[in-house]
Amino acid sequence: INTSVVKTKTFASIIITTNKKDTVEILRGINSFFILILIILVILDFHMHKILLVFKQYYDINSNLFTTKLIVPLIIEIIVCIIHTPPFFNNFTITLSSINLIETIKYKIDVVLFIGIFSLFKFYLVLKFFFNYSRWGDDRANKICKESNISHNVLFVLKAELTEHPFSILIVFYCMVLLIFGYCIRLCEIAFVQNIPLEYFQDWTSFWNGFWCIFVTIATIGYGDFTPRTFMGRLICILASFFGIIIFGMLIISLHSKFSMTSVETRAYTEIKTTLLLRQLKKRALNLILSYYRLNRV
């Protein structure tokens, strides 16, 4: 998608055009091919997971994806994976109406914008990879969790990794929130910048402006230079703020635990402080004795 800013003496608009170059269509075709491979791998992954559950004797040998309750997550995962922009999918628009500062305006929005937003759901694969390849997500950890009567899931693995590597995990999550929500808010807002008065115009053509808006929102700075005006944009800011509060809260807790003293360090600190106090008391006692001696001499 190509974007350009058109300004008059009083108004400004962002014009969106679909790129029809052969290179783009070839890249979309390659993307569709890899999406098909991804769906096949997802089906094979769930099939192997079912075989593993049967091997562990959680289910009998005649069990299938329905009896093992894997069919629902399989369908959800296929739907998420299949969302992408196919080749030759150009000039498909939907018409929406919005009340501007002056009048009601009808917008023709390219469906590719919405596909770009929902395709970001594929980031769930990061969590899936994180769970499957973490040392806290193997069979031994699963067995110990069951013996301890706790759930062995992504949340447990995340808690364990945060305990071991809090700062690196939180920094990665913070960068992911900036990238995902910054890209989403740009796509939501860019389509509705039509006939906006120059004093209220916001240039959403730059990716950095979307990242900047999410950054100042999460950091609770709120400069107000870039603010969402659409319902979806405001919803994205609310979600970004929610995740930002969690990340900053966990970062503060990690910093507190990192710089808090252990029991051994506390004991050493108490002994050193006691030694310093005794040294000060001895010094004051010596000064008192010297002062008394000088007075008696006089």
Protein backbone atom coordinates (compact mmCIF):
# COMPACT_ATOMS: atom_id res chain seq x y z
CA ILE A 1 0.00 0.00 0.00
CA ASN A 2 1.34 3.40 -0.99
CA THR A 3 0.44 6.50 1.01
CA SER A 4 0.81 10.17 0.19
CA VAL A 5 -0.25 13.40 1.88
CA VAL A 6 -2.31 15.93 -0.09
CA LYS A 7 -2.67 19.39 1.44
CA THR A 8 -4.68 22.44 0.45
CA LYS A 9 -4.79 25.84 2.12
CA THR A 10 -7.15 24.66 4.85
CA PHE A 11 -7.43 20.85 4.67
CA ALA A 12 -5.18 17.80 4.42
CA SER A 13 -5.81 14.19 3.44
CA ILE A 14 -3.87 10.94 3.18
CA ILE A 15 -4.35 9.16 -0.13
CA ILE A 16 -3.97 5.37 -0.09
CA THR A 17 -3.31 3.43 -3.29
CA THR A 18 -2.76 -0.30 -3.75
CA ASN A 19 0.54 -1.29 -5.26
CA LYS A 20 -0.07 -3.48 -8.32
CA LYS A 21 3.52 -4.24 -9.24
CA ASP A 22 4.39 -7.75 -10.37
CA THR A 23 6.99 -8.01 -7.62
CA VAL A 24 4.31 -7.46 -4.98
CA GLU A 25 2.08 -10.13 -6.50
CA ILE A 26 4.99 -12.59 -6.63
CA LEU A 27 5.78 -11.92 -2.96
CA ARG A 28 2.12 -12.40 -2.06
CA GLY A 29 2.11 -15.70 -3.95
CA ILE A 30 5.21 -16.86 -2.09
CA ASN A 31 3.56 -15.80 1.18
CA SER A 32 0.42 -17.82 0.31
CA PHE A 33 2.61 -20.86 -0.43
CA PHE A 34 4.32 -20.63 2.95
CA ILE A 35 0.95 -20.10 4.65
CA LEU A 36 -0.23 -23.39 3.10
CA ILE A 37 2.91 -25.13 4.38
CA LEU A 38 2.35 -23.58 7.81
CA ILE A 39 -1.22 -24.92 7.96
CA ILE A 40 -0.02 -28.41 7.01
CA LEU A 41 2.64 -28.24 9.72
CA VAL A 42 0.07 -27.10 12.27
CA ILE A 43 -2.18 -30.07 11.43
CA LEU A 44 0.79 -32.45 11.69
CA ASP A 45 1.79 -30.86 15.00
CA PHE A 46 -1.64 -31.45 16.52
CA HIS A 47 -1.68 -35.00 15.12
CA MET A 48 1.70 -35.74 16.72
CA HIS A 49 0.47 -34.18 19.95
CA LYS A 50 -2.52 -36.52 19.90
CA ILE A 51 -0.21 -39.52 19.35
CA LEU A 52 1.94 -38.36 22.26
CA LEU A 53 -1.10 -38.14 24.55
CA VAL A 54 -2.12 -41.68 23.54
CA PHE A 55 1.45 -42.90 24.12
CA LYS A 56 1.40 -41.38 27.62
CA GLN A 57 -1.86 -43.27 28.18
CA TYR A 58 -3.91 -40.16 28.78
CA TYR A 59 -6.32 -41.46 26.11
CA ASP A 60 -6.92 -44.83 24.46
CA ILE A 61 -5.56 -45.81 21.07
CA ASN A 62 -8.87 -45.14 19.29
CA SER A 63 -8.95 -41.50 20.35
CA ASN A 64 -9.05 -38.73 17.77
CA LEU A 65 -8.79 -34.95 17.78
CA PHE A 66 -12.39 -34.63 18.95
CA THR A 67 -12.09 -36.94 21.96
CA THR A 68 -8.76 -35.40 22.99
CA LYS A 69 -10.33 -31.90 22.81
CA LEU A 70 -7.66 -30.69 20.39
CA ILE A 71 -10.05 -29.88 17.55
CA VAL A 72 -11.05 -26.43 18.87
CA PRO A 73 -7.48 -25.08 19.30
CA LEU A 74 -6.63 -26.64 15.92
CA ILE A 75 -9.44 -24.76 14.17
CA ILE A 76 -8.52 -21.51 15.91
CA GLU A 77 -4.87 -21.90 14.95
CA ILE A 78 -5.74 -22.63 11.31
CA ILE A 79 -8.00 -19.55 11.14
CA VAL A 80 -5.26 -17.36 12.59
CA CYS A 81 -2.64 -18.76 10.22
CA ILE A 82 -4.79 -18.43 7.11
CA ILE A 83 -5.27 -14.66 7.52
CA HIS A 84 -3.04 -13.00 4.92
CA THR A 85 -3.19 -10.95 1.74
CA PRO A 86 -3.51 -13.30 -1.25
CA PRO A 87 -2.22 -12.43 -4.74
CA PHE A 88 -4.30 -10.12 -6.96
CA PHE A 89 -6.34 -9.00 -3.97
CA ASN A 90 -6.48 -5.33 -4.96
CA ASN A 91 -9.09 -2.59 -4.93
CA PHE A 92 -11.40 -4.44 -2.54
CA THR A 93 -12.85 -1.68 -0.41
CA ILE A 94 -15.57 -1.18 2.17
CA THR A 95 -17.41 2.09 2.70
CA LEU A 96 -17.66 3.55 6.20
CA SER A 97 -19.16 6.83 7.41
CA SER A 98 -17.63 9.06 10.04
CA ILE A 99 -18.58 12.42 11.51
CA ASN A 100 -15.74 14.85 10.92
CA LEU A 101 -15.15 18.11 12.74
CA ILE A 102 -17.29 19.85 10.12
CA GLU A 103 -19.34 17.27 8.19
CA THR A 104 -20.09 13.60 7.72
CA ILE A 105 -17.56 11.93 5.43
CA LYS A 106 -17.72 8.55 3.71
CA TYR A 107 -14.47 6.61 3.55
CA LYS A 108 -13.53 3.86 1.16
CA ILE A 109 -11.12 1.70 3.10
CA ASP A 110 -8.98 -0.96 1.47
CA VAL A 111 -9.59 -4.39 3.00
CA VAL A 112 -5.82 -4.96 2.94
CA LEU A 113 -5.56 -2.58 5.91
CA PHE A 114 -7.77 -4.77 8.06
CA ILE A 115 -6.01 -7.92 6.87
CA GLY A 116 -2.72 -6.34 7.96
CA ILE A 117 -4.13 -5.81 11.46
CA PHE A 118 -5.56 -9.30 11.95
CA SER A 119 -2.53 -11.01 10.42
CA LEU A 120 -0.52 -9.81 13.43
CA PHE A 121 -2.31 -12.46 15.49
CA LYS A 122 0.36 -14.82 14.15
CA PHE A 123 2.59 -13.54 16.94
CA TYR A 124 0.98 -16.24 19.05
CA LEU A 125 3.54 -18.54 17.41
CA VAL A 126 6.18 -16.79 19.51
CA LEU A 127 4.44 -17.91 22.70
CA LYS A 128 3.96 -21.41 21.30
CA PHE A 129 7.65 -21.68 20.41
CA PHE A 130 8.48 -20.20 23.82
CA PHE A 131 6.43 -22.90 25.58
CA ASN A 132 7.55 -25.88 23.50
CA TYR A 133 11.28 -25.16 23.59
CA SER A 134 11.69 -23.85 27.11
CA ARG A 135 13.30 -26.12 29.67
CA TRP A 136 10.30 -25.36 31.88
CA GLY A 137 7.90 -26.80 29.31
CA ASP A 138 9.25 -30.34 28.86
CA ASP A 139 7.73 -33.60 30.11
CA ARG A 140 9.75 -33.63 33.32
CA ALA A 141 8.41 -30.19 34.26
CA ASN A 142 4.89 -31.34 33.34
CA LYS A 143 5.23 -34.37 35.62
CA ILE A 144 6.48 -32.28 38.54
CA CYS A 145 3.64 -29.76 38.07
CA LYS A 146 1.05 -32.54 38.12
CA GLU A 147 2.59 -34.00 41.28
CA SER A 148 2.37 -30.53 42.82
CA ASN A 149 -1.28 -30.10 41.66
CA ILE A 150 -0.57 -27.00 39.57
CA SER A 151 -1.32 -26.28 35.93
CA HIS A 152 1.54 -26.72 33.52
CA ASN A 153 0.78 -24.11 30.85
CA VAL A 154 2.23 -21.08 29.12
CA LEU A 155 1.62 -18.92 32.19
CA PHE A 156 3.70 -21.20 34.40
CA VAL A 157 6.54 -21.29 31.86
CA LEU A 158 6.40 -17.50 31.56
CA LYS A 159 6.58 -17.10 35.35
CA ALA A 160 9.56 -19.45 35.51
CA GLU A 161 11.42 -17.62 32.74
CA LEU A 162 10.65 -14.25 34.34
CA THR A 163 12.11 -15.55 37.58
CA GLU A 164 15.30 -16.60 35.78
CA HIS A 165 15.67 -13.81 33.19
CA PRO A 166 13.28 -10.98 34.13
CA PHE A 167 14.91 -8.06 32.36
CA SER A 168 15.57 -9.74 29.00
CA ILE A 169 12.03 -11.19 28.82
CA LEU A 170 10.38 -7.89 29.76
CA ILE A 171 12.45 -5.92 27.24
CA VAL A 172 11.47 -8.35 24.47
CA PHE A 173 7.78 -8.11 25.44
CA TYR A 174 7.98 -4.32 25.59
CA CYS A 175 9.47 -4.14 22.09
CA MET A 176 6.80 -6.53 20.79
CA VAL A 177 4.04 -4.35 22.28
CA LEU A 178 5.52 -1.25 20.65
CA LEU A 179 5.85 -2.91 17.25
CA ILE A 180 2.47 -4.67 17.18
CA PHE A 181 0.27 -1.92 18.61
CA GLY A 182 2.20 0.85 16.84
CA TYR A 183 1.66 -0.84 13.48
CA CYS A 184 -2.02 -1.53 14.26
CA ILE A 185 -2.85 2.02 15.32
CA ARG A 186 -1.21 3.38 12.17
CA LEU A 187 -3.37 1.14 9.98
CA CYS A 188 -6.51 2.10 11.90
CA GLU A 189 -5.94 5.85 11.78
CA ILE A 190 -4.43 6.29 8.32
CA ALA A 191 -7.65 5.37 6.49
CA PHE A 192 -9.71 8.09 8.19
CA VAL A 193 -7.44 11.06 7.54
CA GLN A 194 -9.66 12.72 4.92
CA ASN A 195 -10.36 16.47 4.68
CA ILE A 196 -8.92 17.21 8.10
CA PRO A 197 -8.25 20.89 8.96
CA LEU A 198 -4.54 21.61 8.94
CA GLU A 199 -4.43 22.50 12.63
CA TYR A 200 -5.80 19.03 13.50
CA PHE A 201 -3.88 17.05 10.88
CA GLN A 202 -1.71 14.13 12.04
CA ASP A 203 0.67 12.45 9.63
CA TRP A 204 0.16 8.70 10.12
CA THR A 205 2.06 7.77 6.96
CA SER A 206 5.25 7.20 8.97
CA PHE A 207 5.62 3.97 10.95
CA TRP A 208 7.62 5.82 13.61
CA ASN A 209 4.65 8.04 14.44
CA GLY A 210 2.58 4.98 15.33
CA PHE A 211 5.37 3.61 17.51
CA TRP A 212 5.77 7.05 19.12
CA CYS A 213 2.05 7.26 19.93
CA ILE A 214 2.10 3.86 21.65
CA PHE A 215 5.32 4.70 23.49
CA VAL A 216 4.01 7.95 25.02
CA THR A 217 0.73 6.17 25.85
CA ILE A 218 2.41 3.28 27.66
CA ALA A 219 4.84 5.61 29.41
CA THR A 220 1.86 7.77 30.56
CA ILE A 221 3.55 10.87 29.12
CA GLY A 222 0.74 11.89 26.79
CA TYR A 223 2.22 14.72 24.73
CA GLY A 224 -0.90 14.80 22.57
CA ASP A 225 0.91 15.32 19.26
CA PHE A 226 -0.48 12.00 17.97
CA THR A 227 -3.83 10.84 19.35
CA PRO A 228 -6.27 8.22 18.02
CA ARG A 229 -9.58 9.51 16.64
CA THR A 230 -11.18 6.24 15.55
CA PHE A 231 -12.89 3.67 17.74
CA MET A 232 -10.39 0.94 16.79
CA GLY A 233 -7.45 3.27 17.38
CA ARG A 234 -8.68 4.16 20.86
CA LEU A 235 -9.31 0.49 21.64
CA ILE A 236 -5.74 -0.32 20.60
CA CYS A 237 -4.41 2.43 22.89
CA ILE A 238 -6.43 1.01 25.78
CA LEU A 239 -5.05 -2.48 25.18
CA ALA A 240 -1.52 -1.11 24.81
CA SER A 241 -1.90 0.79 28.11
CA PHE A 242 -3.11 -2.39 29.81
CA PHE A 243 -0.09 -4.38 28.61
CA GLY A 244 2.20 -1.44 29.40
CA ILE A 245 0.99 -1.26 33.00
CA ILE A 246 1.64 -4.99 33.42
CA ILE A 247 5.13 -4.77 31.89
CA PHE A 248 6.15 -1.70 33.91
CA GLY A 249 4.72 -3.21 37.09
CA MET A 250 6.68 -6.42 36.57
CA LEU A 251 9.78 -4.37 35.73
CA ILE A 252 9.49 -2.47 39.02
CA ILE A 253 9.03 -5.75 40.92
CA SER A 254 12.07 -7.23 39.16
CA LEU A 255 14.17 -4.18 39.97
CA HIS A 256 13.06 -4.34 43.60
CA SER A 257 13.91 -8.03 43.91
CA LYS A 258 17.20 -7.50 42.05
CA PHE A 259 18.41 -4.78 44.40
CA SER A 260 16.86 -6.22 47.57
CA MET A 261 19.26 -7.81 50.01
CA THR A 262 19.27 -11.50 50.66
CA SER A 263 19.19 -12.86 54.20
CA VAL A 264 22.97 -13.31 54.20
CA GLU A 265 23.51 -9.77 52.87
CA THR A 266 21.09 -8.41 55.48
CA ARG A 267 23.01 -10.18 58.25
CA ALA A 268 26.32 -8.77 56.97
CA TYR A 269 24.79 -5.30 56.67
CA THR A 270 23.53 -5.47 60.28
CA GLU A 271 26.92 -6.57 61.59
CA ILE A 272 28.73 -3.80 59.68
CA LYS A 273 26.22 -1.22 60.91
CA THR A 274 26.64 -2.46 64.49
CA THR A 275 30.43 -2.20 64.14
CA LEU A 276 30.14 1.37 62.87
CA LEU A 277 27.83 2.34 65.73
CA LEU A 278 30.22 0.84 68.29
CA ARG A 279 33.09 2.75 66.69
CA GLN A 280 31.12 5.99 66.94
CA LEU A 281 30.21 5.27 70.58
CA LYS A 282 33.86 4.61 71.47
CA LYS A 283 34.89 7.84 69.78
CA ARG A 284 32.25 9.83 71.65
CA ALA A 285 33.22 8.17 74.94
CA LEU A 286 36.89 9.06 74.34
CA ASN A 287 35.94 12.68 73.61
CA LEU A 288 33.87 12.78 76.79
CA ILE A 289 36.80 11.44 78.87
CA LEU A 290 39.21 13.96 77.33
CA SER A 291 36.79 16.82 77.96
CA TYR A 292 36.38 15.75 81.61
CA TYR A 293 40.17 15.48 82.07
CA ARG A 294 40.74 18.99 80.63
CA LEU A 295 38.11 20.50 82.91
CA ASN A 296 39.69 18.93 86.02
CA ARG A 297 43.09 20.27 85.01
CA VAL A 298 41.74 23.77 84.79
